[in-house]
């Protein structure tokens, strides 16, 4: 046990020295499960699941699970940071990049679209600027560490936002800004704070600025 603790402590010191550990965060080797409400259950073949892109787009899109699996796929390795003060490093995710869908013309946002609201099961929502959703550090993820997402972690689809080791460009956000059990993306001209943002969490949620909670609320 002592050796394990020392290894974690040494690893934390390493990522801090590398500039990868945001202020107020601690390294974890585990993957804590945090969410509000129940875990949804689907049919084994996911025949009761679909995914929509709607709002300010040239054409609304809907995919069932087999069709979604045919979209271009991406694999990324990122560090993730939770508002509850844990950070997990070098996590490997696979899924679909919204940036790729836009670059290939599969999804075509309208010129006035500036924000994206993630619509998840049980009417949970969270929000990010479109410019952030189109970064390389954002993924519509189906797999973690080579395996399909566990139900507690958002199976079959969730948004992931993280940071790349050694890369300072772009904007990141705390992990709650990636909704579990994702069912749709709504493109909007105006921002619309989601569940946790309306409950007093910071709308920007930048871990490097420790934007955990808002001062004024919504």
C-alpha atoms as a PDB file:
ATOM      1  CA  UNK A   1       0.000   0.000   0.000  1.00  0.00           C
ATOM      2  CA  UNK A   2       2.836   2.414   0.909  1.00  0.00           C
ATOM      3  CA  UNK A   3       4.575   1.683  -2.401  1.00  0.00           C
ATOM      4  CA  UNK A   4       1.357   2.322  -4.310  1.00  0.00           C
ATOM      5  CA  UNK A   5       0.814   5.644  -2.507  1.00  0.00           C
ATOM      6  CA  UNK A   6       4.388   6.711  -3.159  1.00  0.00           C
ATOM      7  CA  UNK A   7       4.046   5.849  -6.835  1.00  0.00           C
ATOM      8  CA  UNK A   8       0.905   7.991  -7.109  1.00  0.00           C
ATOM      9  CA  UNK A   9       2.583  10.845  -5.232  1.00  0.00           C
ATOM     10  CA  UNK A  10       5.645  10.674  -7.481  1.00  0.00           C
ATOM     11  CA  UNK A  11       3.485  10.599 -10.597  1.00  0.00           C
ATOM     12  CA  UNK A  12       1.564  13.633  -9.356  1.00  0.00           C
ATOM     13  CA  UNK A  13       4.808  15.490  -8.782  1.00  0.00           C
ATOM     14  CA  UNK A  14       5.870  14.616 -12.324  1.00  0.00           C
ATOM     15  CA  UNK A  15       2.716  15.932 -14.029  1.00  0.00           C
ATOM     16  CA  UNK A  16       2.815  19.042 -11.865  1.00  0.00           C
ATOM     17  CA  UNK A  17       6.389  19.692 -12.956  1.00  0.00           C
ATOM     18  CA  UNK A  18       5.345  19.160 -16.567  1.00  0.00           C
ATOM     19  CA  UNK A  19       2.642  21.813 -16.163  1.00  0.00           C
ATOM     20  CA  UNK A  20      -0.174  19.323 -16.725  1.00  0.00           C
ATOM     21  CA  UNK A  21      -1.892  19.514 -13.310  1.00  0.00           C
ATOM     22  CA  UNK A  22      -4.316  22.460 -12.987  1.00  0.00           C
ATOM     23  CA  UNK A  23      -4.396  24.379  -9.694  1.00  0.00           C
ATOM     24  CA  UNK A  24      -6.365  22.764  -6.880  1.00  0.00           C
ATOM     25  CA  UNK A  25      -6.324  19.319  -8.550  1.00  0.00           C
ATOM     26  CA  UNK A  26      -4.908  15.965  -7.412  1.00  0.00           C
ATOM     27  CA  UNK A  27      -3.913  13.001  -9.552  1.00  0.00           C
ATOM     28  CA  UNK A  28      -6.028   9.853  -9.389  1.00  0.00           C
ATOM     29  CA  UNK A  29      -5.248   6.438 -10.844  1.00  0.00           C
ATOM     30  CA  UNK A  30      -8.920   5.451 -10.480  1.00  0.00           C
ATOM     31  CA  UNK A  31     -11.862   6.666 -12.536  1.00  0.00           C
ATOM     32  CA  UNK A  32     -14.436   8.109 -10.104  1.00  0.00           C
ATOM     33  CA  UNK A  33     -18.099   7.867 -11.081  1.00  0.00           C
ATOM     34  CA  UNK A  34     -20.040  11.089 -10.568  1.00  0.00           C
ATOM     35  CA  UNK A  35     -23.429  12.010 -11.985  1.00  0.00           C
ATOM     36  CA  UNK A  36     -26.876  13.155 -10.961  1.00  0.00           C
ATOM     37  CA  UNK A  37     -29.748  10.684 -11.273  1.00  0.00           C
ATOM     38  CA  UNK A  38     -30.096   7.132 -12.515  1.00  0.00           C
ATOM     39  CA  UNK A  39     -28.067   5.284 -15.140  1.00  0.00           C
ATOM     40  CA  UNK A  40     -30.155   4.690 -18.299  1.00  0.00           C
ATOM     41  CA  UNK A  41     -30.519   1.175 -19.654  1.00  0.00           C
ATOM     42  CA  UNK A  42     -30.877   0.320 -23.332  1.00  0.00           C
ATOM     43  CA  UNK A  43     -31.819  -2.729 -25.354  1.00  0.00           C
ATOM     44  CA  UNK A  44     -28.816  -4.980 -26.046  1.00  0.00           C
ATOM     45  CA  UNK A  45     -28.872  -4.092 -29.740  1.00  0.00           C
ATOM     46  CA  UNK A  46     -29.389  -0.360 -29.005  1.00  0.00           C
ATOM     47  CA  UNK A  47     -32.463  -0.390 -31.238  1.00  0.00           C
ATOM     48  CA  UNK A  48     -34.036   2.130 -28.835  1.00  0.00           C
ATOM     49  CA  UNK A  49     -31.182   4.619 -29.286  1.00  0.00           C
ATOM     50  CA  UNK A  50     -30.614   7.413 -31.781  1.00  0.00           C
ATOM     51  CA  UNK A  51     -28.596  10.604 -32.008  1.00  0.00           C
ATOM     52  CA  UNK A  52     -29.701  13.948 -33.474  1.00  0.00           C
ATOM     53  CA  UNK A  53     -27.996  17.104 -34.710  1.00  0.00           C
ATOM     54  CA  UNK A  54     -30.491  19.961 -34.915  1.00  0.00           C
ATOM     55  CA  UNK A  55     -31.085  23.677 -34.500  1.00  0.00           C
ATOM     56  CA  UNK A  56     -29.020  26.122 -36.560  1.00  0.00           C
ATOM     57  CA  UNK A  57     -27.701  23.637 -39.117  1.00  0.00           C
ATOM     58  CA  UNK A  58     -28.200  23.474 -42.865  1.00  0.00           C
ATOM     59  CA  UNK A  59     -29.815  20.053 -42.480  1.00  0.00           C
ATOM     60  CA  UNK A  60     -30.910  18.234 -39.365  1.00  0.00           C
ATOM     61  CA  UNK A  61     -29.380  14.790 -39.027  1.00  0.00           C
ATOM     62  CA  UNK A  62     -30.359  11.640 -37.168  1.00  0.00           C
ATOM     63  CA  UNK A  63     -28.369   8.419 -36.840  1.00  0.00           C
ATOM     64  CA  UNK A  64     -29.331   5.105 -35.310  1.00  0.00           C
ATOM     65  CA  UNK A  65     -26.536   3.106 -33.686  1.00  0.00           C
ATOM     66  CA  UNK A  66     -25.386   1.161 -36.808  1.00  0.00           C
ATOM     67  CA  UNK A  67     -25.315   4.376 -38.864  1.00  0.00           C
ATOM     68  CA  UNK A  68     -23.445   6.269 -36.148  1.00  0.00           C
ATOM     69  CA  UNK A  69     -20.817   3.523 -36.119  1.00  0.00           C
ATOM     70  CA  UNK A  70     -20.127   4.256 -39.794  1.00  0.00           C
ATOM     71  CA  UNK A  71     -19.122   7.884 -39.185  1.00  0.00           C
ATOM     72  CA  UNK A  72     -15.396   8.770 -39.352  1.00  0.00           C
ATOM     73  CA  UNK A  73     -13.671   7.705 -36.141  1.00  0.00           C
ATOM     74  CA  UNK A  74     -10.927   9.352 -34.104  1.00  0.00           C
ATOM     75  CA  UNK A  75      -8.638   8.185 -31.282  1.00  0.00           C
ATOM     76  CA  UNK A  76      -7.155  10.669 -28.810  1.00  0.00           C
ATOM     77  CA  UNK A  77      -5.085  10.570 -25.617  1.00  0.00           C
ATOM     78  CA  UNK A  78      -5.960  13.333 -23.155  1.00  0.00           C
ATOM     79  CA  UNK A  79      -5.798  14.417 -19.535  1.00  0.00           C
ATOM     80  CA  UNK A  80      -9.192  14.987 -17.894  1.00  0.00           C
ATOM     81  CA  UNK A  81     -10.007  17.225 -14.939  1.00  0.00           C
ATOM     82  CA  UNK A  82     -13.081  17.030 -12.705  1.00  0.00           C
ATOM     83  CA  UNK A  83     -14.494  19.966 -10.750  1.00  0.00           C
ATOM     84  CA  UNK A  84     -14.427  17.712  -7.655  1.00  0.00           C
ATOM     85  CA  UNK A  85     -10.625  18.141  -7.787  1.00  0.00           C
ATOM     86  CA  UNK A  86      -9.363  14.915  -9.359  1.00  0.00           C
ATOM     87  CA  UNK A  87      -7.389  14.707 -12.583  1.00  0.00           C
ATOM     88  CA  UNK A  88      -6.646  11.585 -14.605  1.00  0.00           C
ATOM     89  CA  UNK A  89      -3.798  11.534 -17.097  1.00  0.00           C
ATOM     90  CA  UNK A  90      -3.091   9.897 -20.468  1.00  0.00           C
ATOM     91  CA  UNK A  91      -6.637   8.587 -20.876  1.00  0.00           C
ATOM     92  CA  UNK A  92      -7.376   7.024 -24.281  1.00  0.00           C
ATOM     93  CA  UNK A  93     -10.705   7.670 -26.004  1.00  0.00           C
ATOM     94  CA  UNK A  94     -12.243   6.659 -29.317  1.00  0.00           C
ATOM     95  CA  UNK A  95     -15.278   8.065 -31.056  1.00  0.00           C
ATOM     96  CA  UNK A  96     -16.435  10.724 -33.486  1.00  0.00           C
ATOM     97  CA  UNK A  97     -14.963  14.234 -33.739  1.00  0.00           C
ATOM     98  CA  UNK A  98     -17.481  16.981 -34.380  1.00  0.00           C
ATOM     99  CA  UNK A  99     -14.660  18.905 -36.055  1.00  0.00           C
ATOM    100  CA  UNK A 100     -14.233  16.063 -38.540  1.00  0.00           C
ATOM    101  CA  UNK A 101     -17.983  15.950 -39.231  1.00  0.00           C
ATOM    102  CA  UNK A 102     -17.960  19.683 -39.955  1.00  0.00           C
ATOM    103  CA  UNK A 103     -14.742  19.582 -41.985  1.00  0.00           C
ATOM    104  CA  UNK A 104     -16.173  16.788 -44.156  1.00  0.00           C
ATOM    105  CA  UNK A 105     -19.528  18.558 -44.600  1.00  0.00           C
ATOM    106  CA  UNK A 106     -21.501  15.862 -42.797  1.00  0.00           C
ATOM    107  CA  UNK A 107     -22.697  18.485 -40.294  1.00  0.00           C
ATOM    108  CA  UNK A 108     -23.056  22.046 -41.602  1.00  0.00           C
ATOM    109  CA  UNK A 109     -23.623  24.690 -38.920  1.00  0.00           C
ATOM    110  CA  UNK A 110     -25.418  27.838 -40.019  1.00  0.00           C
ATOM    111  CA  UNK A 111     -23.303  31.026 -40.068  1.00  0.00           C
ATOM    112  CA  UNK A 112     -25.172  32.390 -37.037  1.00  0.00           C
ATOM    113  CA  UNK A 113     -24.509  29.297 -34.881  1.00  0.00           C
ATOM    114  CA  UNK A 114     -22.242  30.184 -31.950  1.00  0.00           C
ATOM    115  CA  UNK A 115     -23.077  27.658 -29.221  1.00  0.00           C
ATOM    116  CA  UNK A 116     -23.841  23.969 -28.865  1.00  0.00           C
ATOM    117  CA  UNK A 117     -26.097  22.480 -26.201  1.00  0.00           C
ATOM    118  CA  UNK A 118     -25.574  18.808 -25.418  1.00  0.00           C
ATOM    119  CA  UNK A 119     -28.886  17.026 -24.837  1.00  0.00           C
ATOM    120  CA  UNK A 120     -28.586  13.872 -22.746  1.00  0.00           C
ATOM    121  CA  UNK A 121     -30.902  11.358 -21.139  1.00  0.00           C
ATOM    122  CA  UNK A 122     -33.327  12.560 -18.438  1.00  0.00           C
ATOM    123  CA  UNK A 123     -33.290  16.076 -19.955  1.00  0.00           C
ATOM    124  CA  UNK A 124     -29.765  16.775 -18.713  1.00  0.00           C
ATOM    125  CA  UNK A 125     -28.008  19.471 -20.723  1.00  0.00           C
ATOM    126  CA  UNK A 126     -24.678  21.251 -20.743  1.00  0.00           C
ATOM    127  CA  UNK A 127     -23.307  23.935 -23.045  1.00  0.00           C
ATOM    128  CA  UNK A 128     -20.121  24.949 -24.821  1.00  0.00           C
ATOM    129  CA  UNK A 129     -19.258  27.487 -27.502  1.00  0.00           C
ATOM    130  CA  UNK A 130     -19.198  26.016 -30.993  1.00  0.00           C
ATOM    131  CA  UNK A 131     -15.573  27.139 -31.291  1.00  0.00           C
ATOM    132  CA  UNK A 132     -14.697  24.869 -28.355  1.00  0.00           C
ATOM    133  CA  UNK A 133     -16.757  21.931 -29.603  1.00  0.00           C
ATOM    134  CA  UNK A 134     -14.759  22.101 -32.846  1.00  0.00           C
ATOM    135  CA  UNK A 135     -11.395  21.718 -31.102  1.00  0.00           C
ATOM    136  CA  UNK A 136      -9.318  18.538 -31.285  1.00  0.00           C
ATOM    137  CA  UNK A 137      -9.684  18.039 -27.518  1.00  0.00           C
ATOM    138  CA  UNK A 138     -13.438  17.413 -27.771  1.00  0.00           C
ATOM    139  CA  UNK A 139     -14.786  14.006 -28.796  1.00  0.00           C
ATOM    140  CA  UNK A 140     -18.139  12.258 -29.039  1.00  0.00           C
ATOM    141  CA  UNK A 141     -16.757   9.174 -27.340  1.00  0.00           C
ATOM    142  CA  UNK A 142     -17.948   5.577 -27.579  1.00  0.00           C
ATOM    143  CA  UNK A 143     -14.850   3.821 -26.150  1.00  0.00           C
ATOM    144  CA  UNK A 144     -12.471   4.311 -23.239  1.00  0.00           C
ATOM    145  CA  UNK A 145      -9.161   2.461 -22.988  1.00  0.00           C
ATOM    146  CA  UNK A 146     -10.059   0.200 -25.906  1.00  0.00           C
ATOM    147  CA  UNK A 147     -13.438  -0.898 -24.518  1.00  0.00           C
ATOM    148  CA  UNK A 148     -17.005   0.390 -24.973  1.00  0.00           C
ATOM    149  CA  UNK A 149     -17.961   2.919 -22.333  1.00  0.00           C
ATOM    150  CA  UNK A 150     -19.253   1.430 -19.102  1.00  0.00           C
ATOM    151  CA  UNK A 151     -22.884   2.338 -18.329  1.00  0.00           C
ATOM    152  CA  UNK A 152     -21.788   4.487 -15.365  1.00  0.00           C
ATOM    153  CA  UNK A 153     -19.443   6.432 -17.635  1.00  0.00           C
ATOM    154  CA  UNK A 154     -21.986   7.245 -20.320  1.00  0.00           C
ATOM    155  CA  UNK A 155     -22.570   4.180 -22.543  1.00  0.00           C
ATOM    156  CA  UNK A 156     -23.122   4.264 -25.441  1.00  0.00           C
ATOM    157  CA  UNK A 157     -22.089   7.879 -26.169  1.00  0.00           C
ATOM    158  CA  UNK A 158     -20.783  10.853 -24.233  1.00  0.00           C
ATOM    159  CA  UNK A 159     -18.834  14.049 -24.856  1.00  0.00           C
ATOM    160  CA  UNK A 160     -15.236  14.166 -23.633  1.00  0.00           C
ATOM    161  CA  UNK A 161     -13.244  17.374 -23.181  1.00  0.00           C
ATOM    162  CA  UNK A 162      -9.668  17.306 -21.928  1.00  0.00           C
ATOM    163  CA  UNK A 163      -6.158  18.620 -22.378  1.00  0.00           C
ATOM    164  CA  UNK A 164      -3.216  17.371 -24.411  1.00  0.00           C
ATOM    165  CA  UNK A 165       0.163  16.852 -22.763  1.00  0.00           C
ATOM    166  CA  UNK A 166       2.618  19.480 -23.936  1.00  0.00           C
ATOM    167  CA  UNK A 167       0.013  21.456 -25.871  1.00  0.00           C
ATOM    168  CA  UNK A 168      -1.218  24.731 -24.473  1.00  0.00           C
ATOM    169  CA  UNK A 169      -3.393  25.940 -27.329  1.00  0.00           C
ATOM    170  CA  UNK A 170      -7.147  25.766 -27.325  1.00  0.00           C
ATOM    171  CA  UNK A 171      -9.564  25.890 -24.434  1.00  0.00           C
ATOM    172  CA  UNK A 172     -10.448  23.159 -21.992  1.00  0.00           C
ATOM    173  CA  UNK A 173     -13.137  22.720 -19.355  1.00  0.00           C
ATOM    174  CA  UNK A 174     -13.930  20.623 -16.332  1.00  0.00           C
ATOM    175  CA  UNK A 175     -15.204  17.140 -17.077  1.00  0.00           C
ATOM    176  CA  UNK A 176     -18.890  17.896 -16.415  1.00  0.00           C
ATOM    177  CA  UNK A 177     -18.914  19.926 -19.638  1.00  0.00           C
ATOM    178  CA  UNK A 178     -18.933  16.577 -21.439  1.00  0.00           C
ATOM    179  CA  UNK A 179     -22.410  15.134 -21.016  1.00  0.00           C
ATOM    180  CA  UNK A 180     -22.942  11.409 -20.420  1.00  0.00           C
ATOM    181  CA  UNK A 181     -25.614   9.417 -22.321  1.00  0.00           C
ATOM    182  CA  UNK A 182     -25.633  11.928 -25.159  1.00  0.00           C
ATOM    183  CA  UNK A 183     -28.656  11.942 -27.471  1.00  0.00           C
ATOM    184  CA  UNK A 184     -28.337  15.196 -29.389  1.00  0.00           C
ATOM    185  CA  UNK A 185     -26.437  18.381 -30.204  1.00  0.00           C
ATOM    186  CA  UNK A 186     -28.406  21.591 -30.624  1.00  0.00           C
ATOM    187  CA  UNK A 187     -26.710  24.449 -32.494  1.00  0.00           C
ATOM    188  CA  UNK A 188     -27.772  27.892 -31.240  1.00  0.00           C
ATOM    189  CA  UNK A 189     -27.078  31.583 -31.805  1.00  0.00           C
ATOM    190  CA  UNK A 190     -27.404  32.361 -28.085  1.00  0.00           C
ATOM    191  CA  UNK A 191     -25.889  30.541 -25.129  1.00  0.00           C
ATOM    192  CA  UNK A 192     -28.148  28.410 -22.934  1.00  0.00           C
ATOM    193  CA  UNK A 193     -26.634  27.283 -19.610  1.00  0.00           C
ATOM    194  CA  UNK A 194     -27.288  23.661 -18.728  1.00  0.00           C
ATOM    195  CA  UNK A 195     -28.214  21.727 -15.595  1.00  0.00           C
ATOM    196  CA  UNK A 196     -25.098  22.342 -13.497  1.00  0.00           C
ATOM    197  CA  UNK A 197     -24.572  25.835 -14.849  1.00  0.00           C
ATOM    198  CA  UNK A 198     -28.072  26.828 -13.690  1.00  0.00           C
ATOM    199  CA  UNK A 199     -27.287  25.233 -10.320  1.00  0.00           C
ATOM    200  CA  UNK A 200     -24.383  27.631  -9.759  1.00  0.00           C
ATOM    201  CA  UNK A 201     -21.433  26.032 -11.523  1.00  0.00           C
ATOM    202  CA  UNK A 202     -19.291  28.292 -13.689  1.00  0.00           C
ATOM    203  CA  UNK A 203     -20.428  28.673 -17.284  1.00  0.00           C
ATOM    204  CA  UNK A 204     -16.877  28.720 -18.675  1.00  0.00           C
ATOM    205  CA  UNK A 205     -15.440  26.014 -16.360  1.00  0.00           C
ATOM    206  CA  UNK A 206     -11.773  26.489 -17.266  1.00  0.00           C
ATOM    207  CA  UNK A 207      -9.719  24.239 -14.927  1.00  0.00           C
ATOM    208  CA  UNK A 208      -6.593  26.364 -15.344  1.00  0.00           C
ATOM    209  CA  UNK A 209      -8.505  29.372 -13.998  1.00  0.00           C
ATOM    210  CA  UNK A 210     -10.292  27.279 -11.308  1.00  0.00           C
ATOM    211  CA  UNK A 211     -13.643  28.393 -12.659  1.00  0.00           C
ATOM    212  CA  UNK A 212     -15.619  25.982 -10.498  1.00  0.00           C
ATOM    213  CA  UNK A 213     -18.596  28.088  -9.448  1.00  0.00           C
ATOM    214  CA  UNK A 214     -20.266  31.232 -10.741  1.00  0.00           C
ATOM    215  CA  UNK A 215     -20.581  34.311  -8.559  1.00  0.00           C
ATOM    216  CA  UNK A 216     -23.855  35.544  -9.932  1.00  0.00           C
ATOM    217  CA  UNK A 217     -25.584  32.351 -11.024  1.00  0.00           C
ATOM    218  CA  UNK A 218     -28.279  32.099 -13.693  1.00  0.00           C
END
